[in-house]
Amino acid sequence: MTIQILASAVGAHPGATKPFSILALSEVHYPDVAYIETLTSSLWIEDDSEVHRYGLAFDQLRAIAVSPDESAELISQAADRLQMERGPAKHAQ
């Protein structure tokens, strides 16, 4: 699994409208599908050209996000800040 942070400072981007997933089931030889979930429904996109467009959008998101190493460092820094704000952990008795 790879985690990359997409800073809000990048502005408008392909994932800004709604989240999506691309499901690649290569071990069972099914074509990739794009999946969109909304508040009241979900949508499976199976058309190859449309799935390709979602793949291009995903590639753009990865390109404008910070690197996986930088993302890990930012997450670690945020966790450290939260720990400092909360103080020492208290154990339940």
N, C-alpha and C. Protein backbone atom coordinates (compact mmCIF):
# COMPACT_ATOMS: atom_id res chain seq x y z
N MET A 1 0.85 -1.16 0.00
CA MET A 1 0.00 0.00 0.00
C MET A 1 0.90 1.23 0.00
N THR A 2 0.52 2.21 -0.78
CA THR A 2 1.24 3.47 -0.85
C THR A 2 0.31 4.58 -0.42
N ILE A 3 0.80 5.43 0.49
CA ILE A 3 0.02 6.58 0.95
C ILE A 3 0.73 7.84 0.52
N GLN A 4 -0.01 8.73 -0.13
CA GLN A 4 0.51 10.04 -0.52
C GLN A 4 -0.49 11.10 -0.11
N ILE A 5 0.03 12.19 0.43
CA ILE A 5 -0.82 13.31 0.87
C ILE A 5 -0.97 14.30 -0.28
N LEU A 6 -2.19 14.71 -0.48
CA LEU A 6 -2.50 15.72 -1.49
C LEU A 6 -2.86 17.00 -0.73
N ALA A 7 -1.96 17.96 -0.76
CA ALA A 7 -2.16 19.20 -0.01
C ALA A 7 -3.30 20.02 -0.59
N SER A 8 -4.04 20.66 0.27
CA SER A 8 -5.14 21.50 -0.20
C SER A 8 -4.63 22.68 -1.02
N ALA A 9 -3.37 23.03 -0.86
CA ALA A 9 -2.79 24.16 -1.59
C ALA A 9 -2.69 23.89 -3.09
N VAL A 10 -2.83 22.63 -3.52
CA VAL A 10 -2.73 22.36 -4.97
C VAL A 10 -3.93 22.89 -5.72
N GLY A 11 -5.00 23.20 -5.03
CA GLY A 11 -6.18 23.75 -5.69
C GLY A 11 -7.01 22.67 -6.36
N ALA A 12 -7.67 23.06 -7.44
CA ALA A 12 -8.55 22.13 -8.15
C ALA A 12 -7.72 20.97 -8.71
N HIS A 13 -8.28 19.78 -8.62
CA HIS A 13 -7.59 18.59 -9.11
C HIS A 13 -8.63 17.55 -9.52
N PRO A 14 -8.22 16.49 -10.22
CA PRO A 14 -9.18 15.51 -10.73
C PRO A 14 -10.00 14.79 -9.66
N GLY A 15 -9.54 14.76 -8.44
CA GLY A 15 -10.29 14.07 -7.39
C GLY A 15 -11.15 14.98 -6.56
N ALA A 16 -11.24 16.25 -6.93
CA ALA A 16 -11.95 17.23 -6.11
C ALA A 16 -13.46 17.05 -6.13
N THR A 17 -14.00 16.49 -7.19
CA THR A 17 -15.46 16.40 -7.28
C THR A 17 -16.03 15.30 -6.42
N LYS A 18 -15.44 14.10 -6.48
CA LYS A 18 -15.87 13.00 -5.62
C LYS A 18 -14.81 11.92 -5.64
N PRO A 19 -14.68 11.21 -4.54
CA PRO A 19 -13.68 10.15 -4.50
C PRO A 19 -14.05 8.99 -5.43
N PHE A 20 -13.04 8.30 -5.89
CA PHE A 20 -13.26 7.14 -6.75
C PHE A 20 -12.18 6.11 -6.46
N SER A 21 -12.47 4.88 -6.83
CA SER A 21 -11.52 3.78 -6.69
C SER A 21 -11.39 3.10 -8.04
N ILE A 22 -10.22 2.57 -8.28
CA ILE A 22 -10.02 1.74 -9.46
C ILE A 22 -9.69 0.34 -8.95
N LEU A 23 -10.48 -0.62 -9.35
CA LEU A 23 -10.30 -1.99 -8.89
C LEU A 23 -9.65 -2.81 -9.99
N ALA A 24 -8.47 -3.33 -9.71
CA ALA A 24 -7.74 -4.16 -10.66
C ALA A 24 -7.71 -5.58 -10.11
N LEU A 25 -8.37 -6.47 -10.78
CA LEU A 25 -8.48 -7.85 -10.34
C LEU A 25 -7.67 -8.76 -11.26
N SER A 26 -6.39 -8.48 -11.37
CA SER A 26 -5.55 -9.19 -12.35
C SER A 26 -5.42 -10.67 -12.07
N GLU A 27 -5.51 -11.08 -10.80
CA GLU A 27 -5.34 -12.50 -10.51
C GLU A 27 -6.50 -13.36 -11.02
N VAL A 28 -7.62 -12.75 -11.33
CA VAL A 28 -8.74 -13.50 -11.90
C VAL A 28 -9.06 -13.06 -13.32
N HIS A 29 -8.19 -12.26 -13.91
CA HIS A 29 -8.27 -11.85 -15.31
C HIS A 29 -9.56 -11.11 -15.67
N TYR A 30 -10.04 -10.29 -14.77
CA TYR A 30 -11.16 -9.42 -15.07
C TYR A 30 -10.61 -8.06 -15.48
N PRO A 31 -11.30 -7.34 -16.34
CA PRO A 31 -10.83 -5.98 -16.67
C PRO A 31 -11.00 -5.06 -15.47
N ASP A 32 -10.18 -4.02 -15.42
CA ASP A 32 -10.30 -3.03 -14.35
C ASP A 32 -11.66 -2.36 -14.39
N VAL A 33 -12.13 -1.93 -13.23
CA VAL A 33 -13.37 -1.16 -13.14
C VAL A 33 -13.12 0.05 -12.24
N ALA A 34 -13.86 1.10 -12.48
CA ALA A 34 -13.84 2.26 -11.59
C ALA A 34 -15.10 2.21 -10.74
N TYR A 35 -14.98 2.63 -9.50
CA TYR A 35 -16.09 2.55 -8.56
C TYR A 35 -16.24 3.91 -7.89
N ILE A 36 -17.46 4.41 -7.89
CA ILE A 36 -17.77 5.69 -7.26
C ILE A 36 -18.89 5.45 -6.26
N GLU A 37 -18.71 5.92 -5.05
CA GLU A 37 -19.74 5.78 -4.03
C GLU A 37 -20.19 7.17 -3.61
N THR A 38 -21.50 7.37 -3.60
CA THR A 38 -22.06 8.64 -3.17
C THR A 38 -22.89 8.42 -1.90
N LEU A 39 -23.50 9.46 -1.43
CA LEU A 39 -24.30 9.36 -0.22
C LEU A 39 -25.46 8.38 -0.37
N THR A 40 -26.04 8.32 -1.55
CA THR A 40 -27.25 7.50 -1.73
C THR A 40 -27.11 6.36 -2.72
N SER A 41 -25.97 6.23 -3.38
CA SER A 41 -25.84 5.17 -4.37
C SER A 41 -24.37 4.89 -4.66
N SER A 42 -24.14 3.95 -5.54
CA SER A 42 -22.80 3.66 -6.01
C SER A 42 -22.86 3.38 -7.51
N LEU A 43 -21.72 3.49 -8.15
CA LEU A 43 -21.66 3.33 -9.60
C LEU A 43 -20.42 2.53 -9.97
N TRP A 44 -20.63 1.45 -10.71
CA TRP A 44 -19.54 0.66 -11.27
C TRP A 44 -19.36 1.11 -12.71
N ILE A 45 -18.16 1.47 -13.08
CA ILE A 45 -17.87 1.88 -14.46
C ILE A 45 -16.99 0.81 -15.07
N GLU A 46 -17.52 0.17 -16.11
CA GLU A 46 -16.81 -0.93 -16.74
C GLU A 46 -16.31 -0.61 -18.14
N ASP A 47 -16.80 0.46 -18.75
CA ASP A 47 -16.38 0.83 -20.09
C ASP A 47 -14.87 1.14 -20.09
N ASP A 48 -14.12 0.45 -20.95
CA ASP A 48 -12.66 0.57 -20.95
C ASP A 48 -12.18 2.01 -21.10
N SER A 49 -12.80 2.78 -21.98
CA SER A 49 -12.34 4.15 -22.20
C SER A 49 -12.62 5.03 -20.98
N GLU A 50 -13.73 4.80 -20.31
CA GLU A 50 -14.02 5.58 -19.11
C GLU A 50 -13.10 5.18 -17.95
N VAL A 51 -12.86 3.89 -17.80
CA VAL A 51 -11.94 3.42 -16.76
C VAL A 51 -10.55 3.99 -17.03
N HIS A 52 -10.16 4.05 -18.30
CA HIS A 52 -8.86 4.63 -18.66
C HIS A 52 -8.78 6.09 -18.21
N ARG A 53 -9.86 6.84 -18.38
CA ARG A 53 -9.87 8.25 -17.97
C ARG A 53 -9.70 8.37 -16.45
N TYR A 54 -10.32 7.47 -15.70
CA TYR A 54 -10.13 7.48 -14.25
C TYR A 54 -8.68 7.12 -13.90
N GLY A 55 -8.09 6.23 -14.67
CA GLY A 55 -6.68 5.90 -14.46
C GLY A 55 -5.78 7.10 -14.70
N LEU A 56 -6.09 7.87 -15.75
CA LEU A 56 -5.31 9.09 -16.01
C LEU A 56 -5.47 10.10 -14.88
N ALA A 57 -6.70 10.24 -14.37
CA ALA A 57 -6.94 11.15 -13.24
C ALA A 57 -6.14 10.70 -12.02
N PHE A 58 -6.12 9.40 -11.77
CA PHE A 58 -5.35 8.87 -10.64
C PHE A 58 -3.87 9.16 -10.81
N ASP A 59 -3.35 8.98 -12.01
CA ASP A 59 -1.95 9.28 -12.28
C ASP A 59 -1.64 10.75 -12.03
N GLN A 60 -2.56 11.64 -12.41
CA GLN A 60 -2.37 13.07 -12.16
C GLN A 60 -2.35 13.35 -10.65
N LEU A 61 -3.23 12.70 -9.91
CA LEU A 61 -3.26 12.89 -8.46
C LEU A 61 -1.94 12.45 -7.82
N ARG A 62 -1.43 11.31 -8.25
CA ARG A 62 -0.15 10.83 -7.70
C ARG A 62 0.98 11.80 -8.04
N ALA A 63 0.93 12.40 -9.23
CA ALA A 63 1.99 13.30 -9.66
C ALA A 63 2.00 14.60 -8.87
N ILE A 64 0.83 15.09 -8.45
CA ILE A 64 0.80 16.37 -7.73
C ILE A 64 0.84 16.19 -6.21
N ALA A 65 0.71 14.97 -5.74
CA ALA A 65 0.80 14.70 -4.30
C ALA A 65 2.27 14.68 -3.88
N VAL A 66 2.51 14.85 -2.59
CA VAL A 66 3.89 14.73 -2.10
C VAL A 66 4.29 13.25 -2.16
N SER A 67 5.57 13.01 -2.18
CA SER A 67 6.08 11.64 -2.33
C SER A 67 5.64 10.77 -1.15
N PRO A 68 5.68 9.45 -1.33
CA PRO A 68 5.35 8.57 -0.21
C PRO A 68 6.23 8.80 1.02
N ASP A 69 7.53 9.03 0.82
CA ASP A 69 8.42 9.29 1.95
C ASP A 69 8.07 10.60 2.66
N GLU A 70 7.82 11.65 1.88
CA GLU A 70 7.42 12.93 2.47
C GLU A 70 6.07 12.80 3.17
N SER A 71 5.16 12.04 2.60
CA SER A 71 3.86 11.83 3.21
C SER A 71 4.01 11.13 4.56
N ALA A 72 4.87 10.10 4.61
CA ALA A 72 5.11 9.39 5.88
C ALA A 72 5.67 10.34 6.93
N GLU A 73 6.57 11.22 6.52
CA GLU A 73 7.15 12.19 7.45
C GLU A 73 6.08 13.18 7.95
N LEU A 74 5.23 13.66 7.05
CA LEU A 74 4.16 14.58 7.45
C LEU A 74 3.19 13.92 8.42
N ILE A 75 2.87 12.66 8.17
CA ILE A 75 1.97 11.92 9.06
C ILE A 75 2.62 11.75 10.43
N SER A 76 3.89 11.41 10.45
CA SER A 76 4.63 11.25 11.71
C SER A 76 4.66 12.57 12.49
N GLN A 77 4.93 13.67 11.79
CA GLN A 77 4.95 14.98 12.45
C GLN A 77 3.59 15.34 13.03
N ALA A 78 2.52 15.06 12.28
CA ALA A 78 1.17 15.35 12.77
C ALA A 78 0.85 14.49 13.99
N ALA A 79 1.25 13.23 13.97
CA ALA A 79 1.02 12.35 15.12
C ALA A 79 1.78 12.85 16.34
N ASP A 80 3.02 13.29 16.13
CA ASP A 80 3.81 13.84 17.24
C ASP A 80 3.15 15.09 17.83
N ARG A 81 2.66 15.99 16.96
CA ARG A 81 1.98 17.19 17.44
C ARG A 81 0.74 16.84 18.25
N LEU A 82 -0.05 15.90 17.77
CA LEU A 82 -1.24 15.48 18.50
C LEU A 82 -0.88 14.90 19.85
N GLN A 83 0.17 14.09 19.89
CA GLN A 83 0.60 13.49 21.15
C GLN A 83 1.04 14.57 22.13
N MET A 84 1.75 15.58 21.64
CA MET A 84 2.21 16.67 22.51
C MET A 84 1.03 17.48 23.03
N GLU A 85 0.03 17.72 22.18
CA GLU A 85 -1.14 18.47 22.59
C GLU A 85 -1.96 17.73 23.63
N ARG A 86 -2.04 16.43 23.53
CA ARG A 86 -2.82 15.63 24.46
C ARG A 86 -2.09 15.34 25.76
N GLY A 87 -0.78 15.47 25.76
CA GLY A 87 0.00 15.16 26.94
C GLY A 87 0.27 13.67 27.03
N PRO A 88 0.87 13.27 28.14
CA PRO A 88 1.21 11.84 28.30
C PRO A 88 -0.06 10.98 28.31
N ALA A 89 0.09 9.81 27.74
CA ALA A 89 -1.05 8.87 27.70
C ALA A 89 -1.40 8.42 29.10
N LYS A 90 -2.70 8.36 29.37
CA LYS A 90 -3.17 7.89 30.66
C LYS A 90 -3.75 6.50 30.46
N HIS A 91 -3.37 5.59 31.32
CA HIS A 91 -3.85 4.22 31.22
C HIS A 91 -5.16 4.07 31.98
N ALA A 92 -6.09 3.35 31.39
CA ALA A 92 -7.37 3.09 32.04
C ALA A 92 -7.14 2.12 33.20
N GLN A 93 -7.85 2.36 34.29
CA GLN A 93 -7.72 1.48 35.46
C GLN A 93 -8.98 0.76 35.74
